[in-house]
Amino acid sequence: DDSGDAAAAENYFKEAATVLRALPGPPGNLVYPLNGLSRAHFFRGDFAAAESLANEAYQHALKTAGPRHPNT
């Protein structure tokens, strides 16, 4: 259900992505806030930003989990 506070959720995704990107590595769970941000942009109609974030999430999943992992 996407009927919650989308603006607040997007802010939390941004904050989480910023923190996780700053960590060494960065960790595999960076995929989750990137996907959330991608969805937020998609639902607003900002398809270029949504695609860019989805690609970043995909590339990160490939690097951290490999091509056969469900997150990839």
C-alpha atoms as a PDB file:
ATOM      1  CA  ASP A   1       0.000   0.000   0.000  1.00  0.00           C
ATOM      2  CA  ASP A   2       1.537   3.323  -1.095  1.00  0.00           C
ATOM      3  CA  SER A   3      -0.902   5.567   0.769  1.00  0.00           C
ATOM      4  CA  GLY A   4       1.441   6.658   3.578  1.00  0.00           C
ATOM      5  CA  ASP A   5       3.549   9.785   3.983  1.00  0.00           C
ATOM      6  CA  ALA A   6       5.568   9.609   0.771  1.00  0.00           C
ATOM      7  CA  ALA A   7       7.545  12.793   1.447  1.00  0.00           C
ATOM      8  CA  ALA A   8       8.680  11.596   4.869  1.00  0.00           C
ATOM      9  CA  ALA A   9       9.562   8.164   3.487  1.00  0.00           C
ATOM     10  CA  GLU A  10      11.631   9.753   0.731  1.00  0.00           C
ATOM     11  CA  ASN A  11      13.513  11.833   3.317  1.00  0.00           C
ATOM     12  CA  TYR A  12      14.294   8.704   5.340  1.00  0.00           C
ATOM     13  CA  PHE A  13      15.492   6.903   2.206  1.00  0.00           C
ATOM     14  CA  LYS A  14      17.740   9.872   1.342  1.00  0.00           C
ATOM     15  CA  GLU A  15      19.167   9.965   4.854  1.00  0.00           C
ATOM     16  CA  ALA A  16      19.790   6.211   4.907  1.00  0.00           C
ATOM     17  CA  ALA A  17      21.422   6.275   1.467  1.00  0.00           C
ATOM     18  CA  THR A  18      23.684   9.154   2.491  1.00  0.00           C
ATOM     19  CA  VAL A  19      24.821   7.370   5.655  1.00  0.00           C
ATOM     20  CA  LEU A  20      25.337   4.015   3.905  1.00  0.00           C
ATOM     21  CA  ARG A  21      27.190   5.553   0.940  1.00  0.00           C
ATOM     22  CA  ALA A  22      29.645   7.117   3.419  1.00  0.00           C
ATOM     23  CA  LEU A  23      30.557   3.769   4.986  1.00  0.00           C
ATOM     24  CA  PRO A  24      33.562   1.828   3.754  1.00  0.00           C
ATOM     25  CA  GLY A  25      32.444  -0.588   1.140  1.00  0.00           C
ATOM     26  CA  PRO A  26      29.534   0.564   1.139  1.00  0.00           C
ATOM     27  CA  PRO A  27      27.391  -2.241   2.597  1.00  0.00           C
ATOM     28  CA  GLY A  28      25.024  -4.378   0.564  1.00  0.00           C
ATOM     29  CA  ASN A  29      21.922  -3.014   2.270  1.00  0.00           C
ATOM     30  CA  LEU A  30      22.430   0.295   0.437  1.00  0.00           C
ATOM     31  CA  VAL A  31      20.254  -1.358  -2.223  1.00  0.00           C
ATOM     32  CA  TYR A  32      17.120  -0.892  -0.096  1.00  0.00           C
ATOM     33  CA  PRO A  33      17.101   2.901   0.275  1.00  0.00           C
ATOM     34  CA  LEU A  34      18.191   3.277  -3.351  1.00  0.00           C
ATOM     35  CA  ASN A  35      15.202   1.219  -4.466  1.00  0.00           C
ATOM     36  CA  GLY A  36      12.928   3.260  -2.211  1.00  0.00           C
ATOM     37  CA  LEU A  37      14.244   6.502  -3.682  1.00  0.00           C
ATOM     38  CA  SER A  38      13.817   5.108  -7.167  1.00  0.00           C
ATOM     39  CA  ARG A  39      10.161   4.321  -6.445  1.00  0.00           C
ATOM     40  CA  ALA A  40       9.583   7.786  -4.975  1.00  0.00           C
ATOM     41  CA  HIS A  41      10.921   9.433  -8.133  1.00  0.00           C
ATOM     42  CA  PHE A  42       8.991   7.037 -10.350  1.00  0.00           C
ATOM     43  CA  PHE A  43       5.669   7.788  -8.663  1.00  0.00           C
ATOM     44  CA  ARG A  44       6.341  11.524  -9.020  1.00  0.00           C
ATOM     45  CA  GLY A  45       6.983  11.049 -12.730  1.00  0.00           C
ATOM     46  CA  ASP A  46      10.701  11.835 -12.544  1.00  0.00           C
ATOM     47  CA  PHE A  47      11.608   8.816 -14.641  1.00  0.00           C
ATOM     48  CA  ALA A  48      15.207   9.826 -15.388  1.00  0.00           C
ATOM     49  CA  ALA A  49      16.058  10.058 -11.676  1.00  0.00           C
ATOM     50  CA  ALA A  50      14.147   6.832 -10.977  1.00  0.00           C
ATOM     51  CA  GLU A  51      16.102   4.996 -13.665  1.00  0.00           C
ATOM     52  CA  SER A  52      19.423   6.385 -12.451  1.00  0.00           C
ATOM     53  CA  LEU A  53      18.754   5.294  -8.862  1.00  0.00           C
ATOM     54  CA  ALA A  54      17.488   1.869  -9.979  1.00  0.00           C
ATOM     55  CA  ASN A  55      20.658   1.416 -12.027  1.00  0.00           C
ATOM     56  CA  GLU A  56      22.822   2.446  -9.064  1.00  0.00           C
ATOM     57  CA  ALA A  57      20.975  -0.098  -6.887  1.00  0.00           C
ATOM     58  CA  TYR A  58      21.413  -2.792  -9.535  1.00  0.00           C
ATOM     59  CA  GLN A  59      25.129  -2.101  -9.992  1.00  0.00           C
ATOM     60  CA  HIS A  60      25.638  -2.086  -6.217  1.00  0.00           C
ATOM     61  CA  ALA A  61      23.763  -5.383  -5.864  1.00  0.00           C
ATOM     62  CA  LEU A  62      25.910  -6.924  -8.595  1.00  0.00           C
ATOM     63  CA  LYS A  63      29.055  -5.784  -6.798  1.00  0.00           C
ATOM     64  CA  THR A  64      28.042  -6.799  -3.280  1.00  0.00           C
ATOM     65  CA  ALA A  65      25.776  -9.827  -3.787  1.00  0.00           C
ATOM     66  CA  GLY A  66      26.519 -11.127  -7.276  1.00  0.00           C
ATOM     67  CA  PRO A  67      24.331 -11.766 -10.293  1.00  0.00           C
ATOM     68  CA  ARG A  68      22.374 -14.699  -8.848  1.00  0.00           C
ATOM     69  CA  HIS A  69      21.237 -13.019  -5.624  1.00  0.00           C
ATOM     70  CA  PRO A  70      17.503 -12.112  -5.389  1.00  0.00           C
ATOM     71  CA  ASN A  71      18.340  -8.447  -4.728  1.00  0.00           C
ATOM     72  CA  THR A  72      20.119  -8.275  -8.045  1.00  0.00           C
END
